[in-house]
Amino acid sequence: MSIEDWEARVAALWERLDAMDRDAFVAAMRDLAAERGPDDPVALFEVGGAHDSTGYTEIAVGYYERAIAAGLSGVRRRRVSIQMASSLRETGRPEEALKVIEEERTRGSDEYDDALAMCEALTLAKLGRDREGLSVALIALAPHLPRYQRSTVNYARGLVGLDPLP
């Protein structure tokens, strides 16, 4: 079976998530992952996501870490950082989550920048750093506004004691 066929089957399973019992969903994803082998980074990522999406957040972190160690790349590498940081935050490890986010920021920029900012804002709030979190969220929001982008960024910078941009 080709990777494209396998990916289509994974996508079809994700489409059925809300209609399935959570344990049945995880088992079905594990079965699909087994077709790719125990060390396949994409399969590990998908099994981690299945655990995460069904409330087995702590278990998901281990799969995410294994996926990264196995060489997960591309857009899934970015997504695993966001998902793992979220899981770490929600399982009482927000400091670790912030480190994952900070490391991911060094990897470049893509269509997941705003999702990364959302995760960072929530993590900062969890750490009691609400003003920093609000600043991150407003800076991510600014490019999407029809007007007031510059003002929004400068207000957001002011929340954390930074000078306005010229």
Protein backbone atom coordinates (compact mmCIF):
# COMPACT_ATOMS: atom_id res chain seq x y z
CA MET A 1 0.00 0.00 0.00
CA SER A 2 1.29 3.47 -0.86
CA ILE A 3 1.82 6.24 1.68
CA GLU A 4 -0.91 8.19 -0.10
CA ASP A 5 -3.40 5.38 0.45
CA TRP A 6 -2.40 5.09 4.09
CA GLU A 7 -2.71 8.87 4.55
CA ALA A 8 -6.20 8.77 3.01
CA ARG A 9 -7.22 6.05 5.45
CA VAL A 10 -5.85 8.09 8.37
CA ALA A 11 -7.76 11.16 7.16
CA ALA A 12 -10.95 9.09 6.84
CA LEU A 13 -10.51 7.83 10.39
CA TRP A 14 -10.09 11.38 11.69
CA GLU A 15 -13.36 12.26 9.93
CA ARG A 16 -15.12 9.65 12.07
CA LEU A 17 -13.62 10.77 15.41
CA ASP A 18 -16.82 12.28 16.81
CA ALA A 19 -18.92 9.27 15.82
CA MET A 20 -16.65 6.72 17.51
CA ASP A 21 -16.05 5.56 21.05
CA ARG A 22 -12.73 7.04 22.16
CA ASP A 23 -11.10 3.67 22.86
CA ALA A 24 -12.26 2.32 19.50
CA PHE A 25 -10.81 5.39 17.77
CA VAL A 26 -7.43 4.98 19.46
CA ALA A 27 -7.39 1.26 18.67
CA ALA A 28 -8.21 1.94 15.01
CA MET A 29 -5.39 4.51 14.80
CA ARG A 30 -2.97 2.08 16.43
CA ASP A 31 -3.95 -0.54 13.86
CA LEU A 32 -3.26 1.88 11.03
CA ALA A 33 0.04 2.92 12.61
CA ALA A 34 1.12 -0.70 12.93
CA GLU A 35 1.06 -0.92 9.14
CA ARG A 36 3.85 1.68 9.03
CA GLY A 37 6.04 0.08 11.68
CA PRO A 38 6.82 0.85 15.34
CA ASP A 39 9.34 3.61 14.62
CA ASP A 40 7.58 5.45 11.80
CA PRO A 41 7.48 9.12 12.86
CA VAL A 42 4.22 9.93 11.06
CA ALA A 43 2.49 6.90 12.56
CA LEU A 44 3.73 7.86 16.04
CA PHE A 45 2.46 11.41 15.50
CA GLU A 46 -0.98 10.16 14.46
CA VAL A 47 -1.26 7.79 17.42
CA GLY A 48 -0.22 10.62 19.72
CA GLY A 49 -2.87 12.83 18.19
CA ALA A 50 -5.47 10.10 18.60
CA HIS A 51 -4.66 9.82 22.29
CA ASP A 52 -4.67 13.58 22.70
CA SER A 53 -7.99 14.07 20.94
CA THR A 54 -9.69 11.44 23.07
CA GLY A 55 -8.54 12.67 26.46
CA TYR A 56 -5.45 10.53 26.93
CA THR A 57 -3.26 13.60 26.96
CA GLU A 58 -0.44 12.29 29.14
CA ILE A 59 0.01 9.25 26.90
CA ALA A 60 0.06 11.51 23.84
CA VAL A 61 3.19 13.31 25.05
CA GLY A 62 5.21 10.09 24.91
CA TYR A 63 4.14 9.44 21.33
CA TYR A 64 4.95 13.02 20.35
CA GLU A 65 8.42 12.72 21.86
CA ARG A 66 8.99 9.43 20.03
CA ALA A 67 7.81 10.98 16.74
CA ILE A 68 10.31 13.81 17.10
CA ALA A 69 13.11 11.40 18.03
CA ALA A 70 12.23 9.27 14.99
CA GLY A 71 12.72 12.27 12.70
CA LEU A 72 9.26 13.72 12.14
CA SER A 73 9.59 16.50 9.58
CA GLY A 74 7.62 18.94 7.50
CA VAL A 75 4.35 20.44 8.63
CA ARG A 76 3.75 17.57 11.04
CA ARG A 77 6.93 18.57 12.88
CA ARG A 78 5.44 22.00 13.47
CA ARG A 79 2.10 20.52 14.46
CA VAL A 80 3.67 18.06 16.91
CA SER A 81 5.33 20.95 18.73
CA ILE A 82 2.02 22.78 19.08
CA GLN A 83 0.16 19.66 20.17
CA MET A 84 2.88 18.54 22.57
CA ALA A 85 3.16 22.00 24.13
CA SER A 86 -0.60 22.07 24.60
CA SER A 87 -0.54 18.63 26.19
CA LEU A 88 2.34 19.56 28.49
CA ARG A 89 0.49 22.70 29.53
CA GLU A 90 -2.68 20.80 30.31
CA THR A 91 -0.90 18.07 32.26
CA GLY A 92 0.75 20.50 34.67
CA ARG A 93 4.04 21.08 32.86
CA PRO A 94 3.64 24.60 31.42
CA GLU A 95 7.34 25.46 31.81
CA GLU A 96 8.24 22.52 29.56
CA ALA A 97 5.51 23.62 27.15
CA LEU A 98 7.00 27.10 26.89
CA LYS A 99 10.43 25.60 26.09
CA VAL A 100 8.90 23.53 23.28
CA ILE A 101 7.21 26.65 21.89
CA GLU A 102 10.38 28.74 22.12
CA GLU A 103 12.38 26.04 20.34
CA GLU A 104 9.75 25.74 17.63
CA ARG A 105 9.86 29.51 17.01
CA THR A 106 13.52 29.14 16.01
CA ARG A 107 12.57 26.70 13.23
CA GLY A 108 11.09 29.40 11.02
CA SER A 109 7.71 30.69 10.01
CA ASP A 110 4.73 29.11 8.28
CA GLU A 111 0.94 28.92 8.27
CA TYR A 112 1.02 27.55 11.83
CA ASP A 113 2.56 30.70 13.35
CA ASP A 114 -0.80 31.86 14.72
CA ALA A 115 -1.53 28.44 16.21
CA LEU A 116 1.87 28.53 17.88
CA ALA A 117 1.10 32.03 19.21
CA MET A 118 -2.24 30.78 20.55
CA CYS A 119 -0.50 27.96 22.36
CA GLU A 120 2.11 30.35 23.73
CA ALA A 121 -0.54 32.81 24.94
CA LEU A 122 -2.44 30.06 26.77
CA THR A 123 0.77 28.71 28.26
CA LEU A 124 1.82 32.13 29.51
CA ALA A 125 -1.62 32.55 31.07
CA LYS A 126 -1.29 29.16 32.76
CA LEU A 127 1.99 30.41 34.21
CA GLY A 128 0.26 33.53 35.57
CA ARG A 129 1.85 35.74 32.94
CA ASP A 130 -1.44 37.01 31.53
CA ARG A 131 -0.14 40.33 30.17
CA GLU A 132 2.56 38.53 28.19
CA GLY A 133 0.00 36.05 26.90
CA LEU A 134 -2.35 38.84 25.86
CA SER A 135 0.51 40.60 24.11
CA VAL A 136 1.39 37.45 22.13
CA ALA A 137 -2.26 36.94 21.17
CA LEU A 138 -2.76 40.54 20.06
CA ILE A 139 0.40 40.54 17.97
CA ALA A 140 -0.79 37.34 16.24
CA LEU A 141 -4.24 38.86 15.70
CA ALA A 142 -3.02 42.19 14.32
CA PRO A 143 -2.29 41.09 10.71
CA HIS A 144 -5.86 39.78 10.41
CA LEU A 145 -7.53 43.08 11.32
CA PRO A 146 -8.96 45.27 8.53
CA ARG A 147 -7.36 48.33 10.19
CA TYR A 148 -5.42 49.24 13.34
CA GLN A 149 -2.69 46.67 12.82
CA ARG A 150 0.13 49.01 13.82
CA SER A 151 -1.75 50.38 16.82
CA THR A 152 -2.62 46.88 18.00
CA VAL A 153 1.00 45.77 17.81
CA ASN A 154 2.18 48.87 19.67
CA TYR A 155 -0.45 48.46 22.40
CA ALA A 156 0.54 44.80 22.71
CA ARG A 157 4.19 45.74 23.02
CA GLY A 158 3.28 48.29 25.69
CA LEU A 159 1.61 45.57 27.76
CA VAL A 160 5.01 44.02 28.33
CA GLY A 161 7.04 47.22 28.63
CA LEU A 162 8.39 47.38 25.10
CA ASP A 163 8.65 50.61 23.16
CA PRO A 164 6.27 51.13 20.24
CA LEU A 165 7.57 50.38 16.79
CA PRO A 166 8.56 53.48 14.82
